[in-house]
Amino acid sequence: MINLGHGQEALGEESMTKLDSEELPEPFFITEGGPSADLPIHPHRTKSLPQILAGLTDGELARWPDALTDAERERRYRAIG
């Protein structure tokens, strides 16, 4: 170890050689199905957007962007008239 002052130390050449010669575990690679294959289904998205919008009140629907809610508003308008 090399003293850098203020209580800090750095590894010297002898320490680096020791680290290089130590056996390290083999790296693990995901080979089948990708990283998401092992994860459970995301619990927060179990409905489609039309199903979500259909469950909103008119006030809640009004706070959503028009581009997303136009079809739901049209469906509600047709149901009334």
C-alpha atoms as a PDB file:
ATOM      1  CA  MET A   1       0.000   0.000   0.000  1.00  0.00           C
ATOM      2  CA  ILE A   2       1.125   3.518  -0.783  1.00  0.00           C
ATOM      3  CA  ASN A   3       0.169   6.272   1.680  1.00  0.00           C
ATOM      4  CA  LEU A   4      -1.428   9.221  -0.140  1.00  0.00           C
ATOM      5  CA  GLY A   5      -1.813  11.282   3.038  1.00  0.00           C
ATOM      6  CA  HIS A   6      -4.954  12.265   4.969  1.00  0.00           C
ATOM      7  CA  GLY A   7      -5.656   8.605   5.745  1.00  0.00           C
ATOM      8  CA  GLN A   8      -5.887   7.600   2.072  1.00  0.00           C
ATOM      9  CA  GLU A   9      -3.955   4.705   0.621  1.00  0.00           C
ATOM     10  CA  ALA A  10      -3.522   3.306  -2.882  1.00  0.00           C
ATOM     11  CA  LEU A  11      -2.683  -0.229  -3.952  1.00  0.00           C
ATOM     12  CA  GLY A  12       0.970  -0.793  -4.779  1.00  0.00           C
ATOM     13  CA  GLU A  13       2.362  -3.064  -7.487  1.00  0.00           C
ATOM     14  CA  GLU A  14       2.534  -6.042  -5.143  1.00  0.00           C
ATOM     15  CA  SER A  15      -1.166  -5.710  -4.338  1.00  0.00           C
ATOM     16  CA  MET A  16      -2.095  -5.394  -8.011  1.00  0.00           C
ATOM     17  CA  THR A  17      -0.164  -8.558  -8.862  1.00  0.00           C
ATOM     18  CA  LYS A  18      -1.985 -10.383  -6.089  1.00  0.00           C
ATOM     19  CA  LEU A  19      -5.365  -9.206  -7.439  1.00  0.00           C
ATOM     20  CA  ASP A  20      -4.450 -10.292 -10.956  1.00  0.00           C
ATOM     21  CA  SER A  21      -3.436 -13.767  -9.830  1.00  0.00           C
ATOM     22  CA  GLU A  22      -6.547 -14.436  -7.717  1.00  0.00           C
ATOM     23  CA  GLU A  23      -9.156 -16.624  -9.342  1.00  0.00           C
ATOM     24  CA  LEU A  24     -12.275 -14.722 -10.226  1.00  0.00           C
ATOM     25  CA  PRO A  25     -15.669 -16.326 -10.903  1.00  0.00           C
ATOM     26  CA  GLU A  26     -16.657 -16.860 -14.516  1.00  0.00           C
ATOM     27  CA  PRO A  27     -18.901 -14.108 -15.921  1.00  0.00           C
ATOM     28  CA  PHE A  28     -22.577 -14.952 -16.251  1.00  0.00           C
ATOM     29  CA  PHE A  29     -24.333 -14.349 -19.581  1.00  0.00           C
ATOM     30  CA  ILE A  30     -28.043 -14.567 -20.254  1.00  0.00           C
ATOM     31  CA  THR A  31     -28.369 -16.717 -23.332  1.00  0.00           C
ATOM     32  CA  GLU A  32     -32.038 -17.656 -23.603  1.00  0.00           C
ATOM     33  CA  GLY A  33     -35.053 -15.394 -23.649  1.00  0.00           C
ATOM     34  CA  GLY A  34     -33.354 -12.177 -22.614  1.00  0.00           C
ATOM     35  CA  PRO A  35     -33.361 -10.554 -19.186  1.00  0.00           C
ATOM     36  CA  SER A  36     -37.124 -10.035 -19.046  1.00  0.00           C
ATOM     37  CA  ALA A  37     -37.915 -13.733 -19.563  1.00  0.00           C
ATOM     38  CA  ASP A  38     -37.403 -14.426 -15.852  1.00  0.00           C
ATOM     39  CA  LEU A  39     -39.456 -11.462 -14.594  1.00  0.00           C
ATOM     40  CA  PRO A  40     -43.115 -11.749 -13.620  1.00  0.00           C
ATOM     41  CA  ILE A  41     -45.728  -9.853 -15.632  1.00  0.00           C
ATOM     42  CA  HIS A  42     -45.766  -6.179 -14.711  1.00  0.00           C
ATOM     43  CA  PRO A  43     -48.644  -5.727 -12.244  1.00  0.00           C
ATOM     44  CA  HIS A  44     -49.529  -2.137 -13.126  1.00  0.00           C
ATOM     45  CA  ARG A  45     -50.574  -2.661 -16.749  1.00  0.00           C
ATOM     46  CA  THR A  46     -53.184  -5.375 -16.993  1.00  0.00           C
ATOM     47  CA  LYS A  47     -55.690  -3.430 -19.142  1.00  0.00           C
ATOM     48  CA  SER A  48     -55.566  -1.877 -22.584  1.00  0.00           C
ATOM     49  CA  LEU A  49     -55.864   1.902 -22.980  1.00  0.00           C
ATOM     50  CA  PRO A  50     -59.509   1.734 -24.143  1.00  0.00           C
ATOM     51  CA  GLN A  51     -60.374  -0.342 -21.058  1.00  0.00           C
ATOM     52  CA  ILE A  52     -58.636   2.167 -18.787  1.00  0.00           C
ATOM     53  CA  LEU A  53     -60.371   5.137 -20.425  1.00  0.00           C
ATOM     54  CA  ALA A  54     -63.778   3.417 -20.229  1.00  0.00           C
ATOM     55  CA  GLY A  55     -63.351   3.127 -16.459  1.00  0.00           C
ATOM     56  CA  LEU A  56     -62.715   6.850 -15.955  1.00  0.00           C
ATOM     57  CA  THR A  57     -65.368   9.350 -14.966  1.00  0.00           C
ATOM     58  CA  ASP A  58     -66.055  12.291 -17.296  1.00  0.00           C
ATOM     59  CA  GLY A  59     -64.035  14.571 -15.002  1.00  0.00           C
ATOM     60  CA  GLU A  60     -61.051  12.224 -14.971  1.00  0.00           C
ATOM     61  CA  LEU A  61     -61.277  11.780 -18.737  1.00  0.00           C
ATOM     62  CA  ALA A  62     -61.227  15.564 -19.206  1.00  0.00           C
ATOM     63  CA  ARG A  63     -57.745  15.729 -17.652  1.00  0.00           C
ATOM     64  CA  TRP A  64     -56.265  13.344 -20.241  1.00  0.00           C
ATOM     65  CA  PRO A  65     -54.819  14.623 -23.549  1.00  0.00           C
ATOM     66  CA  ASP A  66     -57.358  14.851 -26.388  1.00  0.00           C
ATOM     67  CA  ALA A  67     -55.222  12.709 -28.682  1.00  0.00           C
ATOM     68  CA  LEU A  68     -55.670   9.773 -26.307  1.00  0.00           C
ATOM     69  CA  THR A  69     -59.309  10.272 -25.330  1.00  0.00           C
ATOM     70  CA  ASP A  70     -61.084  11.344 -28.541  1.00  0.00           C
ATOM     71  CA  ALA A  71     -62.270   7.801 -29.316  1.00  0.00           C
ATOM     72  CA  GLU A  72     -63.630   7.313 -25.791  1.00  0.00           C
ATOM     73  CA  ARG A  73     -65.451  10.650 -25.872  1.00  0.00           C
ATOM     74  CA  GLU A  74     -66.979   9.716 -29.239  1.00  0.00           C
ATOM     75  CA  ARG A  75     -68.087   6.335 -27.865  1.00  0.00           C
ATOM     76  CA  ARG A  76     -69.756   8.016 -24.872  1.00  0.00           C
ATOM     77  CA  TYR A  77     -71.436  10.608 -27.107  1.00  0.00           C
ATOM     78  CA  ARG A  78     -72.898   7.872 -29.336  1.00  0.00           C
ATOM     79  CA  ALA A  79     -74.137   5.937 -26.280  1.00  0.00           C
ATOM     80  CA  ILE A  80     -76.051   8.984 -25.019  1.00  0.00           C
ATOM     81  CA  GLY A  81     -77.518  10.138 -28.334  1.00  0.00           C
END
